[in-house]
C-alpha cells in the first residue's frame, strides 16, 4: 500500500509498510522539517522531474562501514600522489549543482531537480546536509553530498569531473570524519568495489537510531 502525504501534516507511515521496491509514500513537501523527520526514520525522497514527490524506505540498504572501506593499490597511489585535496562544507551548492548536471551512463536527465537542489541547500543551511569537495589545482574536480543523522552519513549523490575524484571524496569521508556508517541507499559496482554491503532495514534502523553522539569530529 502506498500512502499519500499532505503538506502541513508532518508524519510518515511505518517504514516496514513500504512496497517491495521500497516505495512508501507519495506527496507531502520538501520542507526542512519533513526531510529531517524522513531521514531520522530511514526514509528519503527520490523522484524525477514531472513526478510527484516519492518517498522510499528500501527493505535492504547498501552501506559502507567506514573502517572497512576497501582501497585498491592503484587508488592508494592516487591518494599518496597528492594530486587531490579535500575539504568539508566549503562549496555545497557547487557540489549539488554538479551532481545534477554531470551526465551519467545509461541515465537520461537527473532526479536532482531544481526543487530537490533548493531543498537540500536549505537543509545544508540548517546544518543537516553536508558536502565533501575534491580539488585539483584549486579547481573543483569532484565531490559528494548527503545528510547527517545521529552519526550516520546518508549519501545522496557524487560526481567526478576528473577520474578518481568521487572515489577520493568517499574514501576521505570514511577516513577523516567520525561517522559510524555511510548509507549509500542503493548498490552499484562502483560502491561494491569499495566494500559496500547490503543490510536489512531493521539492522539499518538500529544503527541509525542508536544513542551514539551526533557530533562530527575531525580525526
N, C-alpha and C. Protein backbone atom coordinates (compact mmCIF):
# COMPACT_ATOMS: atom_id res chain seq x y z
N UNK A 1 0.84 -1.20 0.00
CA UNK A 1 0.00 0.00 0.00
C UNK A 1 0.87 1.25 0.00
N UNK A 2 0.58 2.18 -0.90
CA UNK A 2 1.31 3.43 -0.98
C UNK A 2 0.50 4.52 -0.27
N UNK A 3 1.11 5.19 0.68
CA UNK A 3 0.42 6.19 1.48
C UNK A 3 0.53 7.57 0.82
N UNK A 4 -0.49 8.38 0.99
CA UNK A 4 -0.49 9.73 0.45
C UNK A 4 -0.27 10.73 1.59
N UNK A 5 0.70 11.61 1.39
CA UNK A 5 1.05 12.62 2.38
C UNK A 5 0.48 13.97 1.96
N UNK A 6 0.27 14.83 2.95
CA UNK A 6 -0.29 16.14 2.67
C UNK A 6 0.61 17.23 3.25
N UNK A 7 0.84 18.31 2.49
CA UNK A 7 1.63 19.42 3.02
C UNK A 7 1.02 19.94 4.32
N UNK A 8 1.88 20.21 5.27
CA UNK A 8 1.41 20.74 6.54
C UNK A 8 1.14 19.67 7.57
N UNK A 9 0.93 18.42 7.13
CA UNK A 9 0.71 17.31 8.06
C UNK A 9 2.01 16.52 8.14
N UNK A 10 2.78 16.75 9.21
CA UNK A 10 4.14 16.25 9.29
C UNK A 10 4.16 14.85 9.90
N UNK A 11 4.02 13.84 9.05
CA UNK A 11 4.07 12.46 9.51
C UNK A 11 4.39 11.53 8.36
N UNK A 12 4.91 10.35 8.70
CA UNK A 12 5.17 9.28 7.74
C UNK A 12 4.61 7.98 8.29
N UNK A 13 4.20 7.06 7.42
CA UNK A 13 3.79 5.74 7.89
C UNK A 13 4.99 4.92 8.34
N UNK A 14 4.73 3.80 8.98
CA UNK A 14 5.78 2.89 9.41
C UNK A 14 6.58 2.44 8.19
N UNK A 15 7.92 2.61 8.18
CA UNK A 15 8.74 2.22 7.02
C UNK A 15 8.58 0.76 6.62
N UNK A 16 8.23 -0.11 7.56
CA UNK A 16 8.09 -1.54 7.24
C UNK A 16 6.93 -1.81 6.29
N UNK A 17 6.06 -0.80 6.07
CA UNK A 17 4.92 -0.96 5.19
C UNK A 17 5.24 -0.61 3.73
N UNK A 18 6.50 -0.35 3.44
CA UNK A 18 6.90 0.00 2.07
C UNK A 18 6.64 -1.14 1.10
N UNK A 19 6.44 -0.79 -0.15
CA UNK A 19 6.28 -1.77 -1.22
C UNK A 19 7.58 -2.56 -1.41
N UNK A 20 7.54 -3.68 -2.15
CA UNK A 20 8.76 -4.47 -2.38
C UNK A 20 9.92 -3.66 -2.96
N UNK A 21 9.62 -2.64 -3.78
CA UNK A 21 10.69 -1.81 -4.34
C UNK A 21 11.11 -0.69 -3.40
N UNK A 22 10.52 -0.62 -2.21
CA UNK A 22 10.88 0.38 -1.22
C UNK A 22 10.00 1.61 -1.21
N UNK A 23 9.12 1.76 -2.21
CA UNK A 23 8.25 2.93 -2.25
C UNK A 23 7.27 2.89 -1.07
N UNK A 24 7.24 3.96 -0.31
CA UNK A 24 6.43 4.02 0.90
C UNK A 24 5.28 5.01 0.79
N UNK A 25 5.57 6.19 0.26
CA UNK A 25 4.56 7.25 0.28
C UNK A 25 4.74 8.19 -0.90
N UNK A 26 3.71 8.98 -1.15
CA UNK A 26 3.71 9.93 -2.24
C UNK A 26 3.13 11.25 -1.74
N UNK A 27 3.71 12.36 -2.23
CA UNK A 27 3.17 13.67 -1.88
C UNK A 27 3.93 14.35 -0.76
N UNK A 28 3.26 15.22 -0.05
CA UNK A 28 3.90 15.98 1.01
C UNK A 28 4.67 17.16 0.45
N UNK A 29 5.80 17.44 1.05
CA UNK A 29 6.63 18.57 0.63
C UNK A 29 8.09 18.26 0.95
N UNK A 30 8.97 19.17 0.58
CA UNK A 30 10.41 19.00 0.84
C UNK A 30 10.90 20.04 1.85
N UNK A 31 10.09 20.33 2.82
CA UNK A 31 10.50 21.28 3.86
C UNK A 31 11.62 20.69 4.70
N UNK A 32 12.37 21.56 5.37
CA UNK A 32 13.44 21.11 6.25
C UNK A 32 12.89 20.18 7.32
N UNK A 33 11.74 20.54 7.90
CA UNK A 33 11.17 19.73 8.97
C UNK A 33 10.80 18.33 8.48
N UNK A 34 10.22 18.23 7.29
CA UNK A 34 9.83 16.92 6.78
C UNK A 34 11.05 16.08 6.41
N UNK A 35 12.05 16.71 5.79
CA UNK A 35 13.26 15.97 5.44
C UNK A 35 13.98 15.49 6.69
N UNK A 36 14.02 16.33 7.71
CA UNK A 36 14.64 15.93 8.97
C UNK A 36 13.94 14.70 9.55
N UNK A 37 12.61 14.71 9.55
CA UNK A 37 11.85 13.57 10.06
C UNK A 37 12.07 12.33 9.20
N UNK A 38 12.04 12.52 7.89
CA UNK A 38 12.20 11.38 6.97
C UNK A 38 13.52 10.66 7.21
N UNK A 39 14.61 11.39 7.23
CA UNK A 39 15.92 10.76 7.39
C UNK A 39 16.07 10.10 8.75
N UNK A 40 15.45 10.67 9.77
CA UNK A 40 15.53 10.06 11.10
C UNK A 40 14.79 8.73 11.15
N UNK A 41 13.89 8.49 10.18
CA UNK A 41 13.13 7.25 10.11
C UNK A 41 13.65 6.31 9.02
N UNK A 42 14.75 6.68 8.38
CA UNK A 42 15.29 5.85 7.31
C UNK A 42 14.55 5.98 5.99
N UNK A 43 13.96 7.14 5.75
CA UNK A 43 13.17 7.40 4.55
C UNK A 43 13.85 8.53 3.77
N UNK A 44 13.81 8.43 2.43
CA UNK A 44 14.39 9.51 1.62
C UNK A 44 13.53 9.74 0.37
N UNK A 45 13.55 10.97 -0.18
CA UNK A 45 12.80 11.27 -1.40
C UNK A 45 13.60 10.89 -2.64
N UNK A 46 12.91 10.41 -3.67
CA UNK A 46 13.59 10.03 -4.91
C UNK A 46 12.55 10.04 -6.03
N UNK A 47 12.62 11.01 -6.89
CA UNK A 47 11.64 11.15 -7.97
C UNK A 47 12.24 11.98 -9.09
N UNK A 48 11.67 11.84 -10.26
CA UNK A 48 12.15 12.56 -11.44
C UNK A 48 11.32 13.80 -11.69
N UNK A 49 11.84 14.67 -12.53
CA UNK A 49 11.14 15.90 -12.88
C UNK A 49 9.78 15.55 -13.49
N UNK A 50 8.75 16.24 -13.07
CA UNK A 50 7.41 16.00 -13.58
C UNK A 50 6.62 14.97 -12.78
N UNK A 51 7.29 14.27 -11.85
CA UNK A 51 6.61 13.30 -11.00
C UNK A 51 6.27 13.95 -9.65
N UNK A 52 5.29 13.40 -8.95
CA UNK A 52 5.06 13.86 -7.56
C UNK A 52 6.22 13.42 -6.68
N UNK A 53 6.30 13.96 -5.48
CA UNK A 53 7.36 13.57 -4.55
C UNK A 53 7.12 12.13 -4.12
N UNK A 54 8.13 11.28 -4.30
CA UNK A 54 8.05 9.88 -3.92
C UNK A 54 9.02 9.63 -2.77
N UNK A 55 8.58 8.88 -1.77
CA UNK A 55 9.38 8.61 -0.58
C UNK A 55 9.67 7.12 -0.47
N UNK A 56 10.93 6.78 -0.24
CA UNK A 56 11.37 5.38 -0.23
C UNK A 56 11.97 4.98 1.12
N UNK A 57 11.77 3.71 1.44
CA UNK A 57 12.45 3.07 2.57
C UNK A 57 12.75 1.64 2.14
N UNK A 58 13.91 1.40 1.51
CA UNK A 58 14.22 0.08 0.97
C UNK A 58 14.27 -1.00 2.05
N UNK A 59 13.89 -2.20 1.66
CA UNK A 59 13.94 -3.32 2.60
C UNK A 59 15.39 -3.71 2.89
N UNK A 60 16.29 -3.40 1.96
CA UNK A 60 17.72 -3.58 2.18
C UNK A 60 18.44 -2.29 1.80
N UNK A 61 19.50 -1.98 2.53
CA UNK A 61 20.28 -0.77 2.25
C UNK A 61 21.69 -1.15 1.86
N UNK A 62 22.25 -0.39 0.95
CA UNK A 62 23.66 -0.52 0.60
C UNK A 62 24.44 0.43 1.51
N UNK A 63 25.34 -0.11 2.31
CA UNK A 63 26.06 0.71 3.29
C UNK A 63 27.55 0.40 3.27
N UNK A 64 28.32 1.34 3.78
CA UNK A 64 29.76 1.14 3.99
C UNK A 64 30.06 1.42 5.45
N UNK A 65 30.72 0.47 6.10
CA UNK A 65 31.25 0.72 7.44
C UNK A 65 32.62 1.37 7.22
N UNK A 66 32.79 2.63 7.65
CA UNK A 66 33.98 3.40 7.28
C UNK A 66 35.31 2.69 7.49
N UNK A 67 35.47 1.96 8.60
CA UNK A 67 36.75 1.31 8.86
C UNK A 67 37.01 0.12 7.95
N UNK A 68 35.97 -0.30 7.21
CA UNK A 68 36.11 -1.46 6.34
C UNK A 68 36.17 -1.09 4.87
N UNK A 69 36.30 0.18 4.57
CA UNK A 69 36.34 0.59 3.17
C UNK A 69 37.57 -0.02 2.49
N UNK A 70 37.38 -0.50 1.26
CA UNK A 70 38.46 -1.13 0.51
C UNK A 70 39.09 -0.12 -0.44
N UNK A 71 40.40 -0.02 -0.38
CA UNK A 71 41.12 0.91 -1.24
C UNK A 71 42.13 0.11 -2.05
N UNK A 72 41.96 0.09 -3.36
CA UNK A 72 42.85 -0.67 -4.23
C UNK A 72 44.26 -0.08 -4.22
N UNK A 73 45.23 -0.86 -4.67
CA UNK A 73 46.61 -0.38 -4.73
C UNK A 73 46.73 0.83 -5.64
N UNK A 74 46.02 0.79 -6.76
CA UNK A 74 46.09 1.92 -7.69
C UNK A 74 45.49 3.17 -7.06
N UNK A 75 44.40 2.99 -6.28
CA UNK A 75 43.78 4.13 -5.62
C UNK A 75 44.67 4.66 -4.50
N UNK A 76 45.35 3.77 -3.81
CA UNK A 76 46.30 4.20 -2.78
C UNK A 76 47.38 5.07 -3.38
N UNK A 77 47.82 4.73 -4.58
CA UNK A 77 48.84 5.54 -5.26
C UNK A 77 48.29 6.92 -5.60
N UNK A 78 47.02 6.97 -6.04
CA UNK A 78 46.39 8.26 -6.34
C UNK A 78 46.35 9.13 -5.09
N UNK A 79 45.95 8.54 -3.96
CA UNK A 79 45.85 9.30 -2.72
C UNK A 79 47.21 9.78 -2.24
N UNK A 80 48.23 8.94 -2.39
CA UNK A 80 49.57 9.33 -1.95
C UNK A 80 50.19 10.39 -2.85
N UNK A 81 49.74 10.44 -4.09
CA UNK A 81 50.36 11.35 -5.06
C UNK A 81 50.12 12.83 -4.72
N UNK A 82 49.05 13.09 -3.96
CA UNK A 82 48.74 14.48 -3.62
C UNK A 82 48.10 15.25 -4.76
N UNK A 83 47.61 14.54 -5.78
CA UNK A 83 47.01 15.22 -6.92
C UNK A 83 45.71 15.91 -6.51
N UNK A 84 45.06 15.39 -5.46
CA UNK A 84 43.82 15.98 -4.98
C UNK A 84 43.97 16.49 -3.54
N UNK A 85 43.19 17.52 -3.23
CA UNK A 85 42.99 17.92 -1.84
C UNK A 85 41.49 17.92 -1.57
N UNK A 86 41.11 17.69 -0.32
CA UNK A 86 39.69 17.59 0.03
C UNK A 86 39.30 18.62 1.07
N UNK A 87 38.05 19.00 1.07
CA UNK A 87 37.51 19.91 2.07
C UNK A 87 36.10 19.47 2.42
N UNK A 88 35.56 20.06 3.49
CA UNK A 88 34.24 19.69 4.01
C UNK A 88 33.38 20.94 4.12
N UNK A 89 32.23 20.92 3.46
CA UNK A 89 31.26 22.03 3.56
C UNK A 89 31.80 23.37 3.05
N UNK A 90 32.70 23.34 2.09
CA UNK A 90 33.25 24.58 1.56
C UNK A 90 32.56 25.04 0.27
N UNK A 91 31.86 24.14 -0.42
CA UNK A 91 31.21 24.52 -1.68
C UNK A 91 29.98 23.64 -1.92
N UNK A 92 29.09 23.60 -0.93
CA UNK A 92 27.94 22.70 -1.01
C UNK A 92 27.11 22.94 -2.27
N UNK A 93 26.79 24.19 -2.55
CA UNK A 93 25.93 24.47 -3.70
C UNK A 93 26.59 24.05 -5.00
N UNK A 94 27.89 24.26 -5.12
CA UNK A 94 28.61 23.85 -6.33
C UNK A 94 28.59 22.33 -6.48
N UNK A 95 28.72 21.62 -5.37
CA UNK A 95 28.71 20.16 -5.41
C UNK A 95 27.34 19.64 -5.88
N UNK A 96 26.27 20.13 -5.28
CA UNK A 96 24.95 19.61 -5.66
C UNK A 96 24.59 20.00 -7.09
N UNK A 97 25.00 21.17 -7.54
CA UNK A 97 24.73 21.57 -8.92
C UNK A 97 25.47 20.65 -9.89
N UNK A 98 26.71 20.31 -9.56
CA UNK A 98 27.48 19.41 -10.42
C UNK A 98 26.91 18.00 -10.40
N UNK A 99 26.46 17.53 -9.24
CA UNK A 99 25.84 16.21 -9.16
C UNK A 99 24.62 16.14 -10.08
N UNK A 100 23.90 17.25 -10.18
CA UNK A 100 22.71 17.29 -11.03
C UNK A 100 23.08 17.39 -12.51
N UNK A 101 24.18 18.07 -12.82
CA UNK A 101 24.49 18.40 -14.22
C UNK A 101 25.37 17.38 -14.93
N UNK A 102 26.23 16.67 -14.19
CA UNK A 102 27.18 15.76 -14.84
C UNK A 102 26.42 14.57 -15.44
N UNK A 103 26.59 14.31 -16.74
CA UNK A 103 25.90 13.17 -17.38
C UNK A 103 26.34 11.84 -16.77
N UNK A 104 25.40 10.89 -16.71
CA UNK A 104 25.68 9.56 -16.18
C UNK A 104 25.32 8.51 -17.22
N UNK A 105 26.19 7.53 -17.37
CA UNK A 105 25.99 6.50 -18.38
C UNK A 105 24.67 5.75 -18.12
N UNK A 106 23.85 5.63 -19.17
CA UNK A 106 22.60 4.89 -19.06
C UNK A 106 21.49 5.64 -18.37
N UNK A 107 21.70 6.94 -18.09
CA UNK A 107 20.68 7.71 -17.38
C UNK A 107 20.39 9.01 -18.12
N UNK A 108 19.12 9.23 -18.44
CA UNK A 108 18.70 10.46 -19.09
C UNK A 108 18.18 11.44 -18.05
N UNK A 109 18.62 12.68 -18.12
CA UNK A 109 18.16 13.69 -17.17
C UNK A 109 18.72 13.44 -15.78
N UNK A 110 18.06 13.99 -14.77
CA UNK A 110 18.52 13.86 -13.40
C UNK A 110 17.33 13.84 -12.45
N UNK A 111 17.47 13.09 -11.34
CA UNK A 111 16.45 13.14 -10.30
C UNK A 111 16.71 14.31 -9.34
N UNK A 112 17.90 14.94 -9.47
CA UNK A 112 18.23 16.08 -8.60
C UNK A 112 17.67 17.33 -9.27
N UNK A 113 16.37 17.48 -9.21
CA UNK A 113 15.68 18.59 -9.86
C UNK A 113 16.01 19.91 -9.15
N UNK A 114 15.57 20.99 -9.76
CA UNK A 114 15.76 22.30 -9.13
C UNK A 114 15.10 22.33 -7.75
N UNK A 115 13.93 21.71 -7.64
CA UNK A 115 13.22 21.65 -6.37
C UNK A 115 14.03 20.90 -5.33
N UNK A 116 14.64 19.78 -5.74
CA UNK A 116 15.47 18.99 -4.83
C UNK A 116 16.72 19.77 -4.43
N UNK A 117 17.33 20.44 -5.39
CA UNK A 117 18.53 21.21 -5.09
C UNK A 117 18.25 22.27 -4.04
N UNK A 118 17.19 23.01 -4.22
CA UNK A 118 16.86 24.06 -3.26
C UNK A 118 16.52 23.47 -1.89
N UNK A 119 15.87 22.32 -1.87
CA UNK A 119 15.52 21.68 -0.60
C UNK A 119 16.76 21.29 0.17
N UNK A 120 17.77 20.73 -0.51
CA UNK A 120 18.97 20.29 0.19
C UNK A 120 19.90 21.46 0.51
N UNK A 121 19.85 22.50 -0.28
CA UNK A 121 20.58 23.72 0.08
C UNK A 121 20.01 24.29 1.38
N UNK A 122 18.69 24.28 1.50
CA UNK A 122 18.07 24.72 2.75
C UNK A 122 18.45 23.81 3.91
N UNK A 123 18.53 22.52 3.63
CA UNK A 123 18.92 21.56 4.67
C UNK A 123 20.37 21.77 5.08
N UNK A 124 21.21 22.15 4.12
CA UNK A 124 22.60 22.48 4.43
C UNK A 124 22.68 23.72 5.32
N UNK A 125 21.91 24.72 4.99
CA UNK A 125 21.90 25.95 5.79
C UNK A 125 21.40 25.67 7.21
N UNK A 126 20.59 24.63 7.35
CA UNK A 126 20.07 24.25 8.67
C UNK A 126 21.05 23.34 9.42
N UNK A 127 22.16 22.98 8.77
CA UNK A 127 23.20 22.21 9.43
C UNK A 127 23.10 20.70 9.31
N UNK A 128 22.16 20.21 8.48
CA UNK A 128 21.98 18.76 8.36
C UNK A 128 22.62 18.16 7.11
N UNK A 129 22.65 18.89 6.02
CA UNK A 129 23.24 18.40 4.78
C UNK A 129 24.68 18.89 4.66
N UNK A 130 25.56 18.01 4.19
CA UNK A 130 26.98 18.31 4.13
C UNK A 130 27.58 17.89 2.79
N UNK A 131 28.73 18.46 2.48
CA UNK A 131 29.41 18.11 1.24
C UNK A 131 30.89 17.88 1.48
N UNK A 132 31.44 17.02 0.64
CA UNK A 132 32.90 16.84 0.55
C UNK A 132 33.30 17.33 -0.82
N UNK A 133 34.29 18.20 -0.87
CA UNK A 133 34.78 18.73 -2.14
C UNK A 133 36.18 18.18 -2.42
N UNK A 134 36.43 17.83 -3.67
CA UNK A 134 37.74 17.37 -4.10
C UNK A 134 38.28 18.38 -5.11
N UNK A 135 39.47 18.89 -4.81
CA UNK A 135 40.06 19.95 -5.61
C UNK A 135 41.32 19.46 -6.32
N UNK A 136 41.52 19.96 -7.53
CA UNK A 136 42.76 19.72 -8.26
C UNK A 136 43.27 21.06 -8.78
N UNK A 137 44.42 21.48 -8.28
CA UNK A 137 44.99 22.78 -8.66
C UNK A 137 44.00 23.92 -8.44
N UNK A 138 43.26 23.84 -7.33
CA UNK A 138 42.34 24.91 -6.97
C UNK A 138 41.00 24.87 -7.68
N UNK A 139 40.77 23.86 -8.52
CA UNK A 139 39.51 23.73 -9.26
C UNK A 139 38.74 22.52 -8.76
N UNK A 140 37.42 22.68 -8.63
CA UNK A 140 36.59 21.58 -8.16
C UNK A 140 36.61 20.44 -9.17
N UNK A 141 37.07 19.27 -8.71
CA UNK A 141 37.22 18.12 -9.59
C UNK A 141 36.19 17.03 -9.33
N UNK A 142 35.56 17.06 -8.16
CA UNK A 142 34.59 16.05 -7.79
C UNK A 142 34.08 16.31 -6.39
N UNK A 143 33.18 15.44 -5.95
CA UNK A 143 32.66 15.60 -4.59
C UNK A 143 31.42 14.77 -4.36
N UNK A 144 30.85 14.93 -3.19
CA UNK A 144 29.62 14.23 -2.83
C UNK A 144 28.86 15.06 -1.80
N UNK A 145 27.59 14.74 -1.62
CA UNK A 145 26.80 15.40 -0.58
C UNK A 145 25.83 14.40 0.03
N UNK A 146 25.38 14.71 1.23
CA UNK A 146 24.43 13.84 1.91
C UNK A 146 23.93 14.50 3.18
N UNK A 147 23.22 13.71 3.97
CA UNK A 147 22.57 14.20 5.18
C UNK A 147 23.11 13.45 6.38
N UNK A 148 23.44 14.19 7.43
CA UNK A 148 23.98 13.60 8.65
C UNK A 148 22.86 13.40 9.67
N UNK A 149 22.72 12.14 10.14
CA UNK A 149 21.70 11.82 11.15
C UNK A 149 22.33 10.93 12.21
N UNK A 150 22.50 11.45 13.41
CA UNK A 150 22.95 10.65 14.54
C UNK A 150 24.19 9.82 14.24
N UNK A 151 25.19 10.44 13.63
CA UNK A 151 26.44 9.74 13.35
C UNK A 151 26.42 8.88 12.11
N UNK A 152 25.33 8.93 11.34
CA UNK A 152 25.23 8.21 10.07
C UNK A 152 25.21 9.25 8.95
N UNK A 153 26.02 9.01 7.92
CA UNK A 153 26.03 9.91 6.76
C UNK A 153 25.20 9.25 5.67
N UNK A 154 24.06 9.87 5.35
CA UNK A 154 23.15 9.34 4.32
C UNK A 154 23.54 9.97 2.98
N UNK A 155 24.35 9.26 2.21
CA UNK A 155 24.84 9.79 0.95
C UNK A 155 23.73 9.94 -0.08
N UNK A 156 23.74 11.06 -0.78
CA UNK A 156 22.73 11.32 -1.81
C UNK A 156 23.28 11.19 -3.22
N UNK A 157 24.41 11.80 -3.49
CA UNK A 157 24.96 11.73 -4.84
C UNK A 157 26.43 12.14 -4.81
N UNK A 158 27.15 11.75 -5.86
CA UNK A 158 28.55 12.15 -6.01
C UNK A 158 28.82 12.42 -7.49
N UNK A 159 29.90 13.10 -7.76
CA UNK A 159 30.25 13.39 -9.16
C UNK A 159 31.77 13.45 -9.32
N UNK A 160 32.21 13.24 -10.54
CA UNK A 160 33.63 13.36 -10.89
C UNK A 160 33.75 14.12 -12.20
N UNK A 161 34.58 15.12 -12.21
CA UNK A 161 34.98 15.79 -13.45
C UNK A 161 36.36 15.29 -13.87
N UNK A 162 37.06 14.66 -12.92
CA UNK A 162 38.40 14.08 -13.15
C UNK A 162 38.37 12.66 -12.61
N UNK A 163 38.98 11.74 -13.32
CA UNK A 163 38.99 10.34 -12.90
C UNK A 163 39.45 10.18 -11.45
N UNK A 164 38.72 9.37 -10.70
CA UNK A 164 39.01 9.02 -9.30
C UNK A 164 38.64 10.10 -8.28
N UNK A 165 38.07 11.20 -8.73
CA UNK A 165 37.75 12.28 -7.79
C UNK A 165 36.63 11.89 -6.82
N UNK A 166 35.59 11.23 -7.32
CA UNK A 166 34.49 10.86 -6.42
C UNK A 166 34.92 9.76 -5.46
N UNK A 167 35.76 8.82 -5.92
CA UNK A 167 36.30 7.80 -5.01
C UNK A 167 37.12 8.46 -3.91
N UNK A 168 37.90 9.45 -4.29
CA UNK A 168 38.70 10.18 -3.30
C UNK A 168 37.80 10.82 -2.26
N UNK A 169 36.68 11.40 -2.69
CA UNK A 169 35.75 12.05 -1.75
C UNK A 169 35.19 11.04 -0.76
N UNK A 170 34.79 9.88 -1.24
CA UNK A 170 34.20 8.87 -0.36
C UNK A 170 35.23 8.29 0.60
N UNK A 171 36.42 8.02 0.11
CA UNK A 171 37.48 7.49 0.98
C UNK A 171 37.85 8.52 2.05
N UNK A 172 37.95 9.78 1.66
CA UNK A 172 38.26 10.85 2.62
C UNK A 172 37.18 10.93 3.69
N UNK A 173 35.91 10.83 3.27
CA UNK A 173 34.81 10.88 4.22
C UNK A 173 34.93 9.75 5.24
N UNK A 174 35.24 8.55 4.77
CA UNK A 174 35.35 7.39 5.66
C UNK A 174 36.54 7.51 6.59
N UNK A 175 37.65 8.04 6.09
CA UNK A 175 38.88 8.06 6.88
C UNK A 175 39.02 9.28 7.77
N UNK A 176 38.33 10.35 7.44
CA UNK A 176 38.58 11.62 8.12
C UNK A 176 37.48 12.02 9.08
N UNK A 177 36.23 11.74 8.73
CA UNK A 177 35.11 12.15 9.56
C UNK A 177 34.65 10.98 10.43
N UNK A 178 34.13 11.31 11.59
CA UNK A 178 33.81 10.29 12.59
C UNK A 178 32.38 9.76 12.46
N UNK A 179 32.05 9.23 11.29
CA UNK A 179 30.74 8.63 11.07
C UNK A 179 30.79 7.14 11.39
N UNK A 180 29.68 6.64 11.93
CA UNK A 180 29.59 5.21 12.25
C UNK A 180 29.21 4.39 11.03
N UNK A 181 28.52 5.02 10.08
CA UNK A 181 28.02 4.30 8.91
C UNK A 181 27.83 5.28 7.76
N UNK A 182 28.13 4.83 6.55
CA UNK A 182 27.82 5.60 5.35
C UNK A 182 26.68 4.87 4.64
N UNK A 183 25.53 5.51 4.54
CA UNK A 183 24.37 4.94 3.89
C UNK A 183 24.42 5.31 2.41
N UNK A 184 24.63 4.31 1.55
CA UNK A 184 24.70 4.56 0.11
C UNK A 184 23.36 4.32 -0.58
N UNK A 185 22.36 3.90 0.18
CA UNK A 185 20.98 3.68 -0.28
C UNK A 185 20.85 2.50 -1.23
N UNK A 186 21.32 2.65 -2.47
CA UNK A 186 21.19 1.55 -3.45
C UNK A 186 22.57 1.19 -3.99
N UNK A 187 22.79 -0.11 -4.30
CA UNK A 187 24.12 -0.55 -4.71
C UNK A 187 24.44 -0.24 -6.17
N UNK A 188 25.71 -0.13 -6.46
CA UNK A 188 26.21 -0.13 -7.84
C UNK A 188 27.64 -0.68 -7.81
N UNK A 189 28.18 -1.09 -8.94
CA UNK A 189 29.52 -1.71 -8.96
C UNK A 189 30.60 -0.82 -8.35
N UNK A 190 30.49 0.49 -8.56
CA UNK A 190 31.46 1.44 -8.01
C UNK A 190 31.51 1.35 -6.49
N UNK A 191 30.34 1.34 -5.85
CA UNK A 191 30.28 1.27 -4.38
C UNK A 191 30.70 -0.10 -3.87
N UNK A 192 30.26 -1.15 -4.54
CA UNK A 192 30.60 -2.51 -4.09
C UNK A 192 32.10 -2.75 -4.16
N UNK A 193 32.77 -2.14 -5.14
CA UNK A 193 34.22 -2.30 -5.25
C UNK A 193 34.95 -1.64 -4.09
N UNK A 194 34.28 -0.71 -3.42
CA UNK A 194 34.87 -0.02 -2.27
C UNK A 194 34.49 -0.68 -0.94
N UNK A 195 33.82 -1.81 -1.01
CA UNK A 195 33.49 -2.54 0.21
C UNK A 195 32.08 -2.35 0.71
N UNK A 196 31.21 -1.76 -0.09
CA UNK A 196 29.81 -1.61 0.32
C UNK A 196 29.17 -2.98 0.44
N UNK A 197 28.17 -3.10 1.34
CA UNK A 197 27.45 -4.35 1.54
C UNK A 197 25.99 -4.04 1.80
N UNK A 198 25.17 -5.07 1.70
CA UNK A 198 23.74 -4.90 1.93
C UNK A 198 23.38 -5.32 3.34
N UNK A 199 22.53 -4.52 4.00
CA UNK A 199 21.99 -4.90 5.31
C UNK A 199 20.49 -4.66 5.29
N UNK A 200 19.74 -5.39 6.12
CA UNK A 200 18.30 -5.24 6.18
C UNK A 200 17.87 -3.95 6.85
N UNK A 201 16.62 -3.57 6.62
CA UNK A 201 16.09 -2.33 7.18
C UNK A 201 16.20 -2.29 8.70
N UNK A 202 15.85 -3.38 9.37
CA UNK A 202 15.88 -3.38 10.83
C UNK A 202 17.29 -3.15 11.36
N UNK A 203 18.28 -3.77 10.73
CA UNK A 203 19.67 -3.57 11.14
C UNK A 203 20.09 -2.13 10.91
N UNK A 204 19.66 -1.58 9.76
CA UNK A 204 19.99 -0.19 9.45
C UNK A 204 19.37 0.78 10.47
N UNK A 205 18.08 0.57 10.77
CA UNK A 205 17.40 1.47 11.70
C UNK A 205 17.99 1.37 13.11
N UNK A 206 18.46 0.19 13.47
CA UNK A 206 19.07 0.03 14.79
C UNK A 206 20.31 0.90 14.91
N UNK A 207 21.10 0.94 13.83
CA UNK A 207 22.30 1.80 13.83
C UNK A 207 21.90 3.27 13.77
N UNK A 208 20.93 3.59 12.92
CA UNK A 208 20.51 4.98 12.73
C UNK A 208 19.96 5.58 14.01
N UNK A 209 19.22 4.80 14.76
CA UNK A 209 18.54 5.31 15.95
C UNK A 209 19.27 5.00 17.24
N UNK A 210 20.51 4.55 17.13
CA UNK A 210 21.34 4.29 18.30
C UNK A 210 21.57 5.60 19.05
N UNK A 211 21.86 5.51 20.34
CA UNK A 211 22.05 6.70 21.15
C UNK A 211 23.46 7.26 21.08
N UNK A 212 24.19 6.92 20.03
CA UNK A 212 25.55 7.45 19.88
C UNK A 212 25.54 8.95 19.68
N UNK A 213 26.70 9.55 19.75
CA UNK A 213 26.83 11.01 19.66
C UNK A 213 26.53 11.50 18.26
N UNK A 214 25.92 12.68 18.14
CA UNK A 214 25.70 13.34 16.86
C UNK A 214 26.92 14.10 16.38
N UNK A 215 27.86 14.30 17.26
CA UNK A 215 28.98 15.20 16.97
C UNK A 215 29.89 14.62 15.91
N UNK A 216 30.19 15.42 14.91
CA UNK A 216 31.12 15.04 13.87
C UNK A 216 32.49 15.61 14.23
N UNK A 217 33.44 14.73 14.46
CA UNK A 217 34.76 15.18 14.90
C UNK A 217 35.80 14.93 13.82
N UNK A 218 36.71 15.87 13.66
CA UNK A 218 37.81 15.72 12.73
C UNK A 218 38.87 14.85 13.39
N UNK A 219 39.27 13.79 12.71
CA UNK A 219 40.30 12.91 13.29
C UNK A 219 41.69 13.51 13.09
